[in-house]
């Protein structure tokens, strides 16, 4: 028995280095595995957190849509009022307002296709009407019978050039998190959201041309000015 113990002890001594290396390998491998598992768990937690954040953001982000309609208000049958309705298709908002509007009478000369943008005053009625709802149809506004004046102006300078209205608005509302948000839209001739940079450019351009501002109700005077000065 004593000889067996001595033999076993000698065996351990001879394989000491091997056992130490093996132990180190096992411990290192275990450490790497544990670290890898921890990273996987952390990554999965981040993915879940980011997904939940994305879902919450999507749920709390309003989806606005603006639609335009024409209305006939006199016996001539002329579409003399343009109306816009603002729809909110996602999340609850409140305190919707039109903060500012910039509009142009856009003319393309028949003679040489030169494009002119003449600033207009009060093309739309920014003091629209709230529907009292937070979702669906939330706000309505119009252009105060400017469509008929636009038609008469177009007829008055038909031999000079083709006309259309370009109009842009700044809107604001309070989101479900009680934070005020601001957005910018073109509403004529296209309806589309525009960037803050585009809005700033329009604001600067309109201001630089404001000394030539017109009101569409002054049809005869506008026609004369356009033909003489432009």
C-alpha atoms as a PDB file:
ATOM      1  CA  UNK A   1       0.000   0.000   0.000  1.00  0.00           C
ATOM      2  CA  UNK A   2       2.823   2.348   0.908  1.00  0.00           C
ATOM      3  CA  UNK A   3       4.477   1.628  -2.420  1.00  0.00           C
ATOM      4  CA  UNK A   4       1.270   2.524  -4.271  1.00  0.00           C
ATOM      5  CA  UNK A   5       1.040   5.878  -2.485  1.00  0.00           C
ATOM      6  CA  UNK A   6       4.679   6.641  -3.319  1.00  0.00           C
ATOM      7  CA  UNK A   7       4.042   5.653  -6.945  1.00  0.00           C
ATOM      8  CA  UNK A   8       0.955   7.894  -7.169  1.00  0.00           C
ATOM      9  CA  UNK A   9       2.887  10.772  -5.603  1.00  0.00           C
ATOM     10  CA  UNK A  10       5.665  10.371  -8.128  1.00  0.00           C
ATOM     11  CA  UNK A  11       3.096  10.315 -10.926  1.00  0.00           C
ATOM     12  CA  UNK A  12       1.602  13.594  -9.736  1.00  0.00           C
ATOM     13  CA  UNK A  13       5.037  15.179  -9.519  1.00  0.00           C
ATOM     14  CA  UNK A  14       5.885  14.129 -13.073  1.00  0.00           C
ATOM     15  CA  UNK A  15       2.565  15.466 -14.434  1.00  0.00           C
ATOM     16  CA  UNK A  16       2.409  18.625 -12.305  1.00  0.00           C
ATOM     17  CA  UNK A  17       3.100  20.995 -15.195  1.00  0.00           C
ATOM     18  CA  UNK A  18       0.629  19.211 -17.426  1.00  0.00           C
ATOM     19  CA  UNK A  19      -2.109  19.429 -14.786  1.00  0.00           C
ATOM     20  CA  UNK A  20      -1.410  23.109 -14.133  1.00  0.00           C
ATOM     21  CA  UNK A  21      -1.658  23.877 -17.857  1.00  0.00           C
ATOM     22  CA  UNK A  22      -4.827  21.824 -18.179  1.00  0.00           C
ATOM     23  CA  UNK A  23      -6.371  23.587 -15.192  1.00  0.00           C
ATOM     24  CA  UNK A  24      -5.460  26.988 -16.648  1.00  0.00           C
ATOM     25  CA  UNK A  25      -7.022  26.027 -19.987  1.00  0.00           C
ATOM     26  CA  UNK A  26     -10.228  24.867 -18.302  1.00  0.00           C
ATOM     27  CA  UNK A  27     -10.471  28.015 -16.184  1.00  0.00           C
ATOM     28  CA  UNK A  28      -9.772  30.266 -19.184  1.00  0.00           C
ATOM     29  CA  UNK A  29     -12.301  28.461 -21.345  1.00  0.00           C
ATOM     30  CA  UNK A  30     -14.896  28.707 -18.600  1.00  0.00           C
ATOM     31  CA  UNK A  31     -14.201  32.420 -18.198  1.00  0.00           C
ATOM     32  CA  UNK A  32     -14.527  33.025 -21.959  1.00  0.00           C
ATOM     33  CA  UNK A  33     -17.782  31.064 -22.086  1.00  0.00           C
ATOM     34  CA  UNK A  34     -19.246  32.972 -19.140  1.00  0.00           C
ATOM     35  CA  UNK A  35     -18.185  36.301 -20.684  1.00  0.00           C
ATOM     36  CA  UNK A  36     -19.663  35.303 -24.052  1.00  0.00           C
ATOM     37  CA  UNK A  37     -22.954  34.359 -22.432  1.00  0.00           C
ATOM     38  CA  UNK A  38     -23.020  37.623 -20.497  1.00  0.00           C
ATOM     39  CA  UNK A  39     -22.462  39.592 -23.714  1.00  0.00           C
ATOM     40  CA  UNK A  40     -25.256  37.672 -25.426  1.00  0.00           C
ATOM     41  CA  UNK A  41     -27.622  38.448 -22.576  1.00  0.00           C
ATOM     42  CA  UNK A  42     -26.615  42.132 -22.625  1.00  0.00           C
ATOM     43  CA  UNK A  43     -27.057  42.325 -26.413  1.00  0.00           C
ATOM     44  CA  UNK A  44     -30.454  40.687 -26.225  1.00  0.00           C
ATOM     45  CA  UNK A  45     -31.461  43.110 -23.472  1.00  0.00           C
ATOM     46  CA  UNK A  46     -30.341  46.061 -25.636  1.00  0.00           C
ATOM     47  CA  UNK A  47     -32.268  44.722 -28.618  1.00  0.00           C
ATOM     48  CA  UNK A  48     -35.409  44.333 -26.513  1.00  0.00           C
ATOM     49  CA  UNK A  49     -34.928  47.804 -25.011  1.00  0.00           C
ATOM     50  CA  UNK A  50     -34.364  49.427 -28.411  1.00  0.00           C
ATOM     51  CA  UNK A  51     -37.367  47.606 -29.867  1.00  0.00           C
ATOM     52  CA  UNK A  52     -39.571  48.743 -26.994  1.00  0.00           C
ATOM     53  CA  UNK A  53     -38.267  52.303 -27.351  1.00  0.00           C
ATOM     54  CA  UNK A  54     -38.951  52.216 -31.091  1.00  0.00           C
ATOM     55  CA  UNK A  55     -42.483  50.928 -30.535  1.00  0.00           C
ATOM     56  CA  UNK A  56     -43.175  53.604 -27.905  1.00  0.00           C
ATOM     57  CA  UNK A  57     -41.792  56.307 -30.198  1.00  0.00           C
ATOM     58  CA  UNK A  58     -43.902  55.077 -33.105  1.00  0.00           C
ATOM     59  CA  UNK A  59     -47.012  54.922 -30.925  1.00  0.00           C
ATOM     60  CA  UNK A  60     -46.412  58.464 -29.656  1.00  0.00           C
ATOM     61  CA  UNK A  61     -45.562  60.032 -33.049  1.00  0.00           C
ATOM     62  CA  UNK A  62     -48.507  61.726 -34.780  1.00  0.00           C
ATOM     63  CA  UNK A  63     -49.061  60.977 -38.472  1.00  0.00           C
ATOM     64  CA  UNK A  64     -50.492  64.130 -40.054  1.00  0.00           C
ATOM     65  CA  UNK A  65     -52.224  64.307 -43.423  1.00  0.00           C
ATOM     66  CA  UNK A  66     -53.606  67.387 -45.190  1.00  0.00           C
ATOM     67  CA  UNK A  67     -56.353  67.080 -47.816  1.00  0.00           C
ATOM     68  CA  UNK A  68     -57.682  69.784 -50.120  1.00  0.00           C
ATOM     69  CA  UNK A  69     -61.214  70.207 -51.476  1.00  0.00           C
ATOM     70  CA  UNK A  70     -62.959  72.840 -53.618  1.00  0.00           C
ATOM     71  CA  UNK A  71     -66.324  74.406 -52.779  1.00  0.00           C
ATOM     72  CA  UNK A  72     -68.745  76.370 -54.976  1.00  0.00           C
ATOM     73  CA  UNK A  73     -70.299  79.270 -53.101  1.00  0.00           C
ATOM     74  CA  UNK A  74     -71.976  81.416 -55.768  1.00  0.00           C
ATOM     75  CA  UNK A  75     -74.290  81.159 -58.761  1.00  0.00           C
ATOM     76  CA  UNK A  76     -71.456  81.391 -61.286  1.00  0.00           C
ATOM     77  CA  UNK A  77     -70.429  77.825 -60.528  1.00  0.00           C
ATOM     78  CA  UNK A  78     -66.835  78.885 -59.963  1.00  0.00           C
ATOM     79  CA  UNK A  79     -64.832  76.918 -57.394  1.00  0.00           C
ATOM     80  CA  UNK A  80     -64.157  80.045 -55.364  1.00  0.00           C
ATOM     81  CA  UNK A  81     -63.084  78.482 -52.077  1.00  0.00           C
ATOM     82  CA  UNK A  82     -60.288  76.019 -51.417  1.00  0.00           C
ATOM     83  CA  UNK A  83     -60.595  74.153 -48.152  1.00  0.00           C
ATOM     84  CA  UNK A  84     -57.997  72.081 -46.348  1.00  0.00           C
ATOM     85  CA  UNK A  85     -58.639  69.487 -43.660  1.00  0.00           C
ATOM     86  CA  UNK A  86     -55.895  68.274 -41.336  1.00  0.00           C
ATOM     87  CA  UNK A  87     -56.082  64.646 -40.211  1.00  0.00           C
ATOM     88  CA  UNK A  88     -54.145  63.034 -37.375  1.00  0.00           C
ATOM     89  CA  UNK A  89     -53.879  59.289 -37.946  1.00  0.00           C
ATOM     90  CA  UNK A  90     -51.745  58.261 -34.981  1.00  0.00           C
ATOM     91  CA  UNK A  91     -51.298  59.277 -31.333  1.00  0.00           C
ATOM     92  CA  UNK A  92     -53.237  62.022 -29.563  1.00  0.00           C
ATOM     93  CA  UNK A  93     -52.307  65.687 -30.085  1.00  0.00           C
ATOM     94  CA  UNK A  94     -53.727  68.991 -28.871  1.00  0.00           C
ATOM     95  CA  UNK A  95     -53.374  72.757 -29.369  1.00  0.00           C
ATOM     96  CA  UNK A  96     -53.035  72.487 -33.151  1.00  0.00           C
ATOM     97  CA  UNK A  97     -52.343  75.865 -34.781  1.00  0.00           C
ATOM     98  CA  UNK A  98     -51.165  77.394 -38.036  1.00  0.00           C
ATOM     99  CA  UNK A  99     -48.364  79.679 -36.896  1.00  0.00           C
ATOM    100  CA  UNK A 100     -47.346  81.317 -40.176  1.00  0.00           C
ATOM    101  CA  UNK A 101     -48.012  81.304 -43.918  1.00  0.00           C
ATOM    102  CA  UNK A 102     -45.998  82.381 -46.945  1.00  0.00           C
ATOM    103  CA  UNK A 103     -47.533  82.469 -50.422  1.00  0.00           C
ATOM    104  CA  UNK A 104     -46.483  83.467 -53.922  1.00  0.00           C
ATOM    105  CA  UNK A 105     -48.210  84.208 -57.183  1.00  0.00           C
ATOM    106  CA  UNK A 106     -46.004  82.092 -59.431  1.00  0.00           C
ATOM    107  CA  UNK A 107     -45.847  83.211 -63.085  1.00  0.00           C
ATOM    108  CA  UNK A 108     -44.071  81.567 -66.006  1.00  0.00           C
ATOM    109  CA  UNK A 109     -43.711  84.049 -68.879  1.00  0.00           C
ATOM    110  CA  UNK A 110     -44.918  82.796 -72.237  1.00  0.00           C
ATOM    111  CA  UNK A 111     -42.274  84.802 -74.066  1.00  0.00           C
ATOM    112  CA  UNK A 112     -39.137  83.281 -72.557  1.00  0.00           C
ATOM    113  CA  UNK A 113     -40.329  80.832 -69.831  1.00  0.00           C
ATOM    114  CA  UNK A 114     -38.832  83.059 -67.119  1.00  0.00           C
ATOM    115  CA  UNK A 115     -40.314  82.213 -63.733  1.00  0.00           C
ATOM    116  CA  UNK A 116     -41.446  84.959 -61.334  1.00  0.00           C
ATOM    117  CA  UNK A 117     -42.545  84.567 -57.707  1.00  0.00           C
ATOM    118  CA  UNK A 118     -44.527  87.545 -56.399  1.00  0.00           C
ATOM    119  CA  UNK A 119     -45.215  87.458 -52.638  1.00  0.00           C
ATOM    120  CA  UNK A 120     -48.883  87.374 -51.635  1.00  0.00           C
ATOM    121  CA  UNK A 121     -50.478  88.652 -48.467  1.00  0.00           C
ATOM    122  CA  UNK A 122     -53.111  86.605 -46.605  1.00  0.00           C
ATOM    123  CA  UNK A 123     -53.724  83.909 -49.177  1.00  0.00           C
ATOM    124  CA  UNK A 124     -55.194  81.578 -46.562  1.00  0.00           C
ATOM    125  CA  UNK A 125     -57.152  82.135 -43.370  1.00  0.00           C
ATOM    126  CA  UNK A 126     -54.706  80.849 -40.773  1.00  0.00           C
ATOM    127  CA  UNK A 127     -57.341  81.247 -38.061  1.00  0.00           C
ATOM    128  CA  UNK A 128     -59.058  78.045 -39.030  1.00  0.00           C
ATOM    129  CA  UNK A 129     -61.522  75.952 -37.070  1.00  0.00           C
ATOM    130  CA  UNK A 130     -60.680  73.139 -34.711  1.00  0.00           C
ATOM    131  CA  UNK A 131     -63.016  70.156 -34.874  1.00  0.00           C
ATOM    132  CA  UNK A 132     -62.546  69.543 -31.161  1.00  0.00           C
ATOM    133  CA  UNK A 133     -61.003  66.147 -31.830  1.00  0.00           C
ATOM    134  CA  UNK A 134     -57.501  64.886 -31.089  1.00  0.00           C
ATOM    135  CA  UNK A 135     -57.513  62.150 -33.733  1.00  0.00           C
ATOM    136  CA  UNK A 136     -59.014  61.876 -37.209  1.00  0.00           C
ATOM    137  CA  UNK A 137     -60.164  65.222 -38.629  1.00  0.00           C
ATOM    138  CA  UNK A 138     -58.716  67.796 -36.207  1.00  0.00           C
ATOM    139  CA  UNK A 139     -58.576  71.151 -38.056  1.00  0.00           C
ATOM    140  CA  UNK A 140     -60.032  72.959 -41.072  1.00  0.00           C
ATOM    141  CA  UNK A 141     -58.999  76.140 -42.882  1.00  0.00           C
ATOM    142  CA  UNK A 142     -59.609  77.856 -46.240  1.00  0.00           C
ATOM    143  CA  UNK A 143     -58.292  80.553 -48.565  1.00  0.00           C
ATOM    144  CA  UNK A 144     -61.077  83.126 -48.062  1.00  0.00           C
ATOM    145  CA  UNK A 145     -62.477  83.040 -51.594  1.00  0.00           C
ATOM    146  CA  UNK A 146     -59.038  83.596 -53.135  1.00  0.00           C
ATOM    147  CA  UNK A 147     -59.645  80.884 -55.726  1.00  0.00           C
ATOM    148  CA  UNK A 148     -62.023  83.104 -57.685  1.00  0.00           C
ATOM    149  CA  UNK A 149     -59.605  86.042 -57.476  1.00  0.00           C
ATOM    150  CA  UNK A 150     -56.829  83.740 -58.619  1.00  0.00           C
ATOM    151  CA  UNK A 151     -58.904  82.716 -61.643  1.00  0.00           C
ATOM    152  CA  UNK A 152     -59.657  86.338 -62.570  1.00  0.00           C
ATOM    153  CA  UNK A 153     -55.982  87.266 -62.210  1.00  0.00           C
ATOM    154  CA  UNK A 154     -54.982  84.326 -64.424  1.00  0.00           C
ATOM    155  CA  UNK A 155     -57.475  85.453 -67.068  1.00  0.00           C
ATOM    156  CA  UNK A 156     -56.192  89.037 -66.864  1.00  0.00           C
ATOM    157  CA  UNK A 157     -52.586  88.078 -67.669  1.00  0.00           C
ATOM    158  CA  UNK A 158     -53.270  85.026 -69.820  1.00  0.00           C
ATOM    159  CA  UNK A 159     -51.394  86.544 -72.763  1.00  0.00           C
ATOM    160  CA  UNK A 160     -48.457  87.333 -70.478  1.00  0.00           C
ATOM    161  CA  UNK A 161     -47.919  84.020 -68.701  1.00  0.00           C
ATOM    162  CA  UNK A 162     -49.277  81.022 -66.849  1.00  0.00           C
ATOM    163  CA  UNK A 163     -50.000  81.457 -63.133  1.00  0.00           C
ATOM    164  CA  UNK A 164     -50.375  79.264 -60.076  1.00  0.00           C
ATOM    165  CA  UNK A 165     -50.240  79.762 -56.324  1.00  0.00           C
ATOM    166  CA  UNK A 166     -47.430  78.416 -54.179  1.00  0.00           C
ATOM    167  CA  UNK A 167     -48.326  78.409 -50.505  1.00  0.00           C
ATOM    168  CA  UNK A 168     -46.494  77.173 -47.410  1.00  0.00           C
ATOM    169  CA  UNK A 169     -47.515  76.942 -43.760  1.00  0.00           C
ATOM    170  CA  UNK A 170     -45.876  76.434 -40.382  1.00  0.00           C
ATOM    171  CA  UNK A 171     -47.924  74.356 -37.945  1.00  0.00           C
ATOM    172  CA  UNK A 172     -47.522  73.481 -34.289  1.00  0.00           C
ATOM    173  CA  UNK A 173     -49.162  71.096 -31.847  1.00  0.00           C
ATOM    174  CA  UNK A 174     -48.627  69.503 -28.462  1.00  0.00           C
ATOM    175  CA  UNK A 175     -47.904  65.772 -28.546  1.00  0.00           C
ATOM    176  CA  UNK A 176     -49.028  63.123 -26.077  1.00  0.00           C
ATOM    177  CA  UNK A 177     -45.893  63.753 -24.003  1.00  0.00           C
ATOM    178  CA  UNK A 178     -46.967  67.448 -23.643  1.00  0.00           C
ATOM    179  CA  UNK A 179     -44.068  68.589 -25.849  1.00  0.00           C
ATOM    180  CA  UNK A 180     -44.670  71.276 -28.489  1.00  0.00           C
ATOM    181  CA  UNK A 181     -43.665  70.249 -31.998  1.00  0.00           C
ATOM    182  CA  UNK A 182     -43.372  72.324 -35.185  1.00  0.00           C
ATOM    183  CA  UNK A 183     -43.647  71.161 -38.796  1.00  0.00           C
ATOM    184  CA  UNK A 184     -43.740  72.775 -42.231  1.00  0.00           C
ATOM    185  CA  UNK A 185     -45.901  71.989 -45.266  1.00  0.00           C
ATOM    186  CA  UNK A 186     -46.423  73.120 -48.826  1.00  0.00           C
ATOM    187  CA  UNK A 187     -50.181  73.150 -49.457  1.00  0.00           C
ATOM    188  CA  UNK A 188     -50.356  74.420 -53.068  1.00  0.00           C
ATOM    189  CA  UNK A 189     -49.978  73.340 -55.796  1.00  0.00           C
ATOM    190  CA  UNK A 190     -48.686  70.190 -54.075  1.00  0.00           C
ATOM    191  CA  UNK A 191     -49.370  69.016 -50.552  1.00  0.00           C
ATOM    192  CA  UNK A 192     -46.175  67.771 -48.951  1.00  0.00           C
ATOM    193  CA  UNK A 193     -44.109  68.174 -45.810  1.00  0.00           C
ATOM    194  CA  UNK A 194     -40.973  70.281 -46.227  1.00  0.00           C
ATOM    195  CA  UNK A 195     -37.818  70.548 -44.138  1.00  0.00           C
ATOM    196  CA  UNK A 196     -36.854  73.251 -41.689  1.00  0.00           C
ATOM    197  CA  UNK A 197     -34.087  74.279 -44.104  1.00  0.00           C
ATOM    198  CA  UNK A 198     -36.579  74.688 -46.963  1.00  0.00           C
ATOM    199  CA  UNK A 199     -38.878  76.741 -44.745  1.00  0.00           C
ATOM    200  CA  UNK A 200     -36.045  79.052 -43.711  1.00  0.00           C
ATOM    201  CA  UNK A 201     -35.123  79.559 -47.365  1.00  0.00           C
ATOM    202  CA  UNK A 202     -38.737  80.420 -48.274  1.00  0.00           C
ATOM    203  CA  UNK A 203     -39.010  82.792 -45.313  1.00  0.00           C
ATOM    204  CA  UNK A 204     -35.831  84.608 -46.330  1.00  0.00           C
ATOM    205  CA  UNK A 205     -36.870  84.813 -50.002  1.00  0.00           C
ATOM    206  CA  UNK A 206     -40.392  86.089 -49.199  1.00  0.00           C
ATOM    207  CA  UNK A 207     -39.018  88.752 -46.864  1.00  0.00           C
ATOM    208  CA  UNK A 208     -36.535  89.951 -49.493  1.00  0.00           C
ATOM    209  CA  UNK A 209     -39.410  90.417 -51.982  1.00  0.00           C
ATOM    210  CA  UNK A 210     -41.981  91.776 -49.527  1.00  0.00           C
ATOM    211  CA  UNK A 211     -41.838  95.333 -50.911  1.00  0.00           C
ATOM    212  CA  UNK A 212     -43.678  93.962 -53.992  1.00  0.00           C
ATOM    213  CA  UNK A 213     -46.315  92.099 -51.974  1.00  0.00           C
ATOM    214  CA  UNK A 214     -49.797  91.773 -53.514  1.00  0.00           C
ATOM    215  CA  UNK A 215     -53.269  90.848 -52.327  1.00  0.00           C
ATOM    216  CA  UNK A 216     -55.310  88.757 -54.755  1.00  0.00           C
ATOM    217  CA  UNK A 217     -58.451  90.833 -54.231  1.00  0.00           C
ATOM    218  CA  UNK A 218     -56.763  93.808 -55.978  1.00  0.00           C
ATOM    219  CA  UNK A 219     -57.168  92.165 -59.369  1.00  0.00           C
ATOM    220  CA  UNK A 220     -56.985  95.105 -61.785  1.00  0.00           C
ATOM    221  CA  UNK A 221     -54.090  96.784 -59.983  1.00  0.00           C
ATOM    222  CA  UNK A 222     -52.193  93.490 -59.792  1.00  0.00           C
ATOM    223  CA  UNK A 223     -52.622  92.809 -63.518  1.00  0.00           C
ATOM    224  CA  UNK A 224     -51.263  96.262 -64.382  1.00  0.00           C
ATOM    225  CA  UNK A 225     -48.292  95.907 -62.029  1.00  0.00           C
ATOM    226  CA  UNK A 226     -47.396  92.493 -63.383  1.00  0.00           C
ATOM    227  CA  UNK A 227     -47.436  93.620 -67.009  1.00  0.00           C
ATOM    228  CA  UNK A 228     -45.534  96.857 -66.317  1.00  0.00           C
ATOM    229  CA  UNK A 229     -42.927  95.884 -63.740  1.00  0.00           C
ATOM    230  CA  UNK A 230     -42.358  92.194 -64.410  1.00  0.00           C
END
